[in-house]
Amino acid sequence: MQKRVKRALVGTAIALLLPALFFGGYMWKAKTEVKKMSPLETGEVAPGIFALKDAFVNMYLIRDDSTYISIDAGNSTQGIAAELAKLGIAASQVNAVFLTHTDGDHVGALALFSQAKIYLSSQEEQMIDGTKSRFLIFKNRISLADKGLVGDQQTLLIGNIRVKGLLTPGHTPGSMCFLVNDSCLFTGDALSLKFGHMDKFNTFFNMDTDRAMQSMAKLKNLHDISWIFTAHYGSSHNFAEAVSGL
């Protein structure tokens, strides 16, 4: 009887310890990877384009007359609210939010933009409906009742701002870059910029790095790009140089 109890206790301890060790190891590695990131400081980073820094990630606002659109929605409601205040921009002024993907650090302040239409890749829907996740305990649980699904190469017009979706799977199955007004490419976590050159995003965070590299290589075929804006690794005003190593 005592042996059975001991075995049961040992089994229970192992069952509790293994997930704790996994989670602890994951969080330690995640913090190490985050330290490598170099987002832009909050401010106007190009004419009519504003970066908002929320801890280790950028979201962006694009303005045309009285129309604002957002690329992603930051890491936290409190953080983005503070950065919006610095810029003198109200969340209610944002007409649409385009999500490059649905990881927590890109959707954290969605609640602020309650008056905006939310758009995401049609392939990313599987990440929020429970079909796919990185791990059982790391699901992208957000509720988007009134969402717009964007297909690859699909173009939408928000006011006078033209937004084209470019499917770039790898970081997540539905990761999408957004080409704004045919000249500004917003990449989310599809890639990083290192010394002005495109490079793969942190492998630790990618669901499929090989696929992400294939997606990144396709971007070199784009033309007339003036700016590249990433979510964690700043920006580049020299597209030719950025893709030269691909």
Protein backbone atom coordinates (compact mmCIF):
# COMPACT_ATOMS: atom_id res chain seq x y z
CA MET A 1 0.00 0.00 0.00
CA GLN A 2 2.76 2.42 0.99
CA LYS A 3 4.67 1.64 -2.22
CA ARG A 4 1.57 2.44 -4.27
CA VAL A 5 1.14 5.73 -2.46
CA LYS A 6 4.80 6.60 -2.98
CA ARG A 7 4.56 5.75 -6.68
CA ALA A 8 1.45 7.87 -7.00
CA LEU A 9 3.12 10.79 -5.24
CA VAL A 10 6.24 10.49 -7.41
CA GLY A 11 4.11 10.31 -10.55
CA THR A 12 2.14 13.38 -9.50
CA ALA A 13 5.34 15.28 -8.70
CA ILE A 14 6.81 14.45 -12.11
CA ALA A 15 3.58 15.41 -13.86
CA LEU A 16 3.67 18.80 -12.15
CA LEU A 17 7.41 19.35 -12.43
CA LEU A 18 7.86 18.68 -16.15
CA PRO A 19 5.42 21.40 -17.34
CA ALA A 20 6.91 23.83 -14.82
CA LEU A 21 10.44 23.12 -16.10
CA PHE A 22 9.29 23.46 -19.70
CA PHE A 23 7.53 26.75 -19.02
CA GLY A 24 10.45 28.10 -17.02
CA GLY A 25 12.92 27.15 -19.74
CA TYR A 26 10.72 28.66 -22.42
CA MET A 27 10.37 31.95 -20.58
CA TRP A 28 14.12 32.15 -19.91
CA LYS A 29 14.90 31.59 -23.58
CA ALA A 30 12.20 34.04 -24.66
CA LYS A 31 13.66 36.78 -22.46
CA THR A 32 17.11 36.09 -23.92
CA GLU A 33 15.78 36.45 -27.46
CA VAL A 34 13.84 39.62 -26.66
CA LYS A 35 17.06 41.28 -25.49
CA LYS A 36 18.36 41.03 -29.07
CA MET A 37 15.54 43.20 -30.39
CA SER A 38 15.89 46.89 -31.28
CA PRO A 39 12.53 48.58 -31.93
CA LEU A 40 12.21 52.21 -32.97
CA GLU A 41 11.48 54.92 -30.43
CA THR A 42 8.02 56.49 -30.50
CA GLY A 43 7.71 59.30 -33.02
CA GLU A 44 7.26 60.17 -36.69
CA VAL A 45 9.69 57.92 -38.55
CA ALA A 46 8.74 58.93 -42.10
CA PRO A 47 6.29 61.50 -43.48
CA GLY A 48 2.86 60.55 -42.14
CA ILE A 49 4.14 57.35 -40.48
CA PHE A 50 4.46 57.01 -36.71
CA ALA A 51 6.15 54.27 -34.70
CA LEU A 52 4.86 53.49 -31.22
CA LYS A 53 7.30 51.62 -29.00
CA ASP A 54 5.69 49.31 -26.47
CA ALA A 55 8.47 47.52 -24.56
CA PHE A 56 10.25 45.41 -27.22
CA VAL A 57 7.83 45.87 -30.12
CA ASN A 58 6.61 48.54 -32.52
CA MET A 59 3.17 49.14 -33.90
CA TYR A 60 2.73 51.79 -36.57
CA LEU A 61 0.19 54.44 -37.49
CA ILE A 62 -0.19 55.75 -41.03
CA ARG A 63 -1.96 59.08 -41.53
CA ASP A 64 -3.55 60.55 -44.63
CA ASP A 65 -5.51 63.75 -43.97
CA SER A 66 -7.94 62.74 -41.20
CA THR A 67 -7.60 58.99 -41.80
CA TYR A 68 -5.41 56.79 -39.62
CA ILE A 69 -4.71 53.10 -39.99
CA SER A 70 -2.65 50.97 -37.65
CA ILE A 71 -0.27 48.13 -38.39
CA ASP A 72 -0.62 45.82 -35.38
CA ALA A 73 -1.79 46.83 -31.91
CA GLY A 74 1.13 46.65 -29.53
CA ASN A 75 1.95 44.62 -26.46
CA SER A 76 -0.29 46.21 -23.82
CA THR A 77 -3.23 48.58 -23.49
CA GLN A 78 -1.43 50.72 -20.92
CA GLY A 79 1.75 50.96 -22.97
CA ILE A 80 0.06 51.95 -26.23
CA ALA A 81 -2.28 54.41 -24.49
CA ALA A 82 0.78 56.19 -23.09
CA GLU A 83 2.53 56.30 -26.48
CA LEU A 84 -0.59 57.59 -28.24
CA ALA A 85 -0.76 60.38 -25.67
CA LYS A 86 2.84 61.35 -26.48
CA LEU A 87 1.85 61.74 -30.12
CA GLY A 88 -1.39 63.56 -29.37
CA ILE A 89 -3.39 60.95 -31.27
CA ALA A 90 -6.61 59.44 -29.90
CA ALA A 91 -7.31 55.74 -30.39
CA SER A 92 -10.76 56.73 -31.66
CA GLN A 93 -9.10 58.41 -34.67
CA VAL A 94 -7.87 55.04 -35.97
CA ASN A 95 -10.17 53.75 -38.70
CA ALA A 96 -8.63 50.31 -39.26
CA VAL A 97 -6.10 47.97 -37.67
CA PHE A 98 -4.15 45.53 -39.86
CA LEU A 99 -2.65 42.63 -37.91
CA THR A 100 0.49 41.09 -39.37
CA HIS A 101 -0.29 38.09 -37.13
CA THR A 102 -2.00 37.44 -33.82
CA ASP A 103 0.75 36.87 -31.25
CA GLY A 104 0.12 38.63 -27.95
CA ASP A 105 2.68 41.38 -28.47
CA HIS A 106 0.88 42.45 -31.65
CA VAL A 107 -2.70 42.44 -30.37
CA GLY A 108 -2.26 43.58 -26.77
CA ALA A 109 -4.00 46.94 -27.14
CA LEU A 110 -6.80 45.95 -29.52
CA ALA A 111 -9.35 46.98 -26.90
CA LEU A 112 -8.28 50.61 -27.37
CA PHE A 113 -9.34 50.53 -31.01
CA SER A 114 -12.96 49.57 -30.47
CA GLN A 115 -14.13 51.88 -33.26
CA ALA A 116 -11.73 50.46 -35.84
CA LYS A 117 -12.26 47.60 -38.25
CA ILE A 118 -9.77 44.79 -37.61
CA TYR A 119 -8.13 43.02 -40.55
CA LEU A 120 -5.93 39.94 -40.63
CA SER A 121 -4.81 37.31 -43.09
CA SER A 122 -7.41 34.69 -43.93
CA GLN A 123 -4.72 32.08 -43.18
CA GLU A 124 -4.15 33.52 -39.69
CA GLU A 125 -7.72 32.79 -38.59
CA GLN A 126 -6.64 29.26 -37.67
CA MET A 127 -4.43 30.76 -34.95
CA ILE A 128 -7.37 32.35 -33.13
CA ASP A 129 -10.08 29.74 -33.63
CA GLY A 130 -8.14 27.00 -31.82
CA THR A 131 -7.15 25.07 -34.95
CA LYS A 132 -3.43 25.80 -34.57
CA SER A 133 -1.12 26.98 -31.82
CA ARG A 134 2.56 26.93 -30.96
CA PHE A 135 1.92 24.85 -27.84
CA LEU A 136 -1.19 23.72 -26.01
CA ILE A 137 -0.55 26.32 -23.32
CA PHE A 138 0.31 29.15 -25.74
CA LYS A 139 -2.79 29.87 -27.77
CA ASN A 140 -3.60 33.18 -29.48
CA ARG A 141 -6.95 33.63 -27.79
CA ILE A 142 -8.55 36.81 -29.06
CA SER A 143 -12.17 37.40 -29.99
CA LEU A 144 -12.70 39.21 -33.27
CA ALA A 145 -16.39 39.10 -34.04
CA ASP A 146 -16.28 41.86 -36.66
CA LYS A 147 -13.07 41.06 -38.50
CA GLY A 148 -12.05 41.41 -42.12
CA LEU A 149 -10.06 38.57 -43.67
CA VAL A 150 -7.43 39.57 -46.21
CA GLY A 151 -6.24 37.28 -48.99
CA ASP A 152 -2.79 37.16 -50.54
CA GLN A 153 -2.31 40.05 -53.00
CA GLN A 154 -5.65 41.57 -51.99
CA THR A 155 -5.79 45.37 -51.88
CA LEU A 156 -8.07 47.43 -49.65
CA LEU A 157 -8.68 51.17 -49.65
CA ILE A 158 -9.14 52.90 -46.28
CA GLY A 159 -9.87 56.53 -47.08
CA ASN A 160 -7.04 57.34 -49.48
CA ILE A 161 -4.67 54.79 -47.95
CA ARG A 162 -4.11 51.74 -50.15
CA VAL A 163 -3.14 48.54 -48.30
CA LYS A 164 -2.05 45.36 -50.08
CA GLY A 165 -1.71 42.08 -48.19
CA LEU A 166 1.28 39.86 -48.98
CA LEU A 167 1.08 36.42 -47.39
CA THR A 168 4.42 35.52 -45.77
CA PRO A 169 3.87 32.35 -43.73
CA GLY A 170 6.51 30.95 -41.42
CA HIS A 171 6.52 32.93 -38.20
CA THR A 172 2.88 31.86 -38.03
CA PRO A 173 0.91 30.09 -40.78
CA GLY A 174 -0.91 33.30 -41.64
CA SER A 175 1.76 35.94 -41.17
CA MET A 176 1.18 38.78 -43.61
CA CYS A 177 3.18 41.81 -44.70
CA PHE A 178 1.28 44.93 -45.68
CA LEU A 179 2.37 47.15 -48.55
CA VAL A 180 1.00 50.64 -47.99
CA ASN A 181 0.55 53.02 -50.92
CA ASP A 182 2.84 50.81 -53.01
CA SER A 183 5.95 52.11 -51.26
CA CYS A 184 6.05 51.25 -47.54
CA LEU A 185 6.39 47.60 -46.51
CA PHE A 186 5.36 46.61 -42.99
CA THR A 187 6.69 43.16 -42.21
CA GLY A 188 5.67 42.32 -38.65
CA ASP A 189 7.77 39.32 -37.60
CA ALA A 190 8.32 37.96 -41.11
CA LEU A 191 11.96 39.07 -40.92
CA SER A 192 14.52 41.11 -39.03
CA LEU A 193 16.89 43.84 -40.19
CA LYS A 194 20.54 43.48 -39.25
CA PHE A 195 23.04 46.10 -40.40
CA GLY A 196 20.54 47.22 -43.02
CA HIS A 197 20.02 43.76 -44.49
CA MET A 198 17.01 41.46 -44.29
CA ASP A 199 17.62 38.42 -42.12
CA LYS A 200 15.49 35.70 -40.62
CA PHE A 201 13.48 36.47 -37.53
CA ASN A 202 14.43 34.82 -34.23
CA THR A 203 14.22 31.10 -34.96
CA PHE A 204 13.05 30.39 -31.42
CA PHE A 205 9.80 32.27 -32.07
CA ASN A 206 9.13 30.98 -35.59
CA MET A 207 6.69 28.15 -36.10
CA ASP A 208 8.42 27.23 -39.39
CA THR A 209 11.71 29.03 -40.07
CA ASP A 210 12.35 27.30 -43.42
CA ARG A 211 9.01 28.53 -44.67
CA ALA A 212 9.69 31.99 -43.24
CA MET A 213 12.96 32.14 -45.20
CA GLN A 214 11.13 31.19 -48.40
CA SER A 215 8.57 33.91 -47.76
CA MET A 216 11.28 36.49 -47.11
CA ALA A 217 13.08 35.59 -50.35
CA LYS A 218 9.94 36.37 -52.34
CA LEU A 219 9.95 39.95 -51.09
CA LYS A 220 13.08 40.78 -53.11
CA ASN A 221 10.90 40.74 -56.24
CA LEU A 222 8.96 43.80 -55.08
CA HIS A 223 9.58 47.08 -56.86
CA ASP A 224 9.56 50.78 -55.92
CA ILE A 225 9.72 50.14 -52.18
CA SER A 226 10.87 53.22 -50.28
CA TRP A 227 10.70 51.95 -46.70
CA ILE A 228 10.71 48.69 -44.76
CA PHE A 229 9.30 48.75 -41.23
CA THR A 230 9.71 45.74 -38.95
CA ALA A 231 8.03 45.08 -35.62
CA HIS A 232 11.18 44.46 -33.58
CA TYR A 233 14.22 45.47 -35.63
CA GLY A 234 13.67 49.02 -36.80
CA SER A 235 13.40 50.21 -40.38
CA SER A 236 15.34 50.71 -43.61
CA HIS A 237 15.11 53.43 -46.25
CA ASN A 238 17.16 51.40 -48.73
CA PHE A 239 15.22 48.43 -50.07
CA ALA A 240 17.87 47.45 -52.63
CA GLU A 241 20.49 47.15 -49.91
CA ALA A 242 18.11 45.32 -47.59
CA VAL A 243 17.42 42.54 -50.11
CA SER A 244 20.93 42.40 -51.58
CA GLY A 245 21.92 39.38 -49.50
CA LEU A 246 18.87 37.26 -50.30
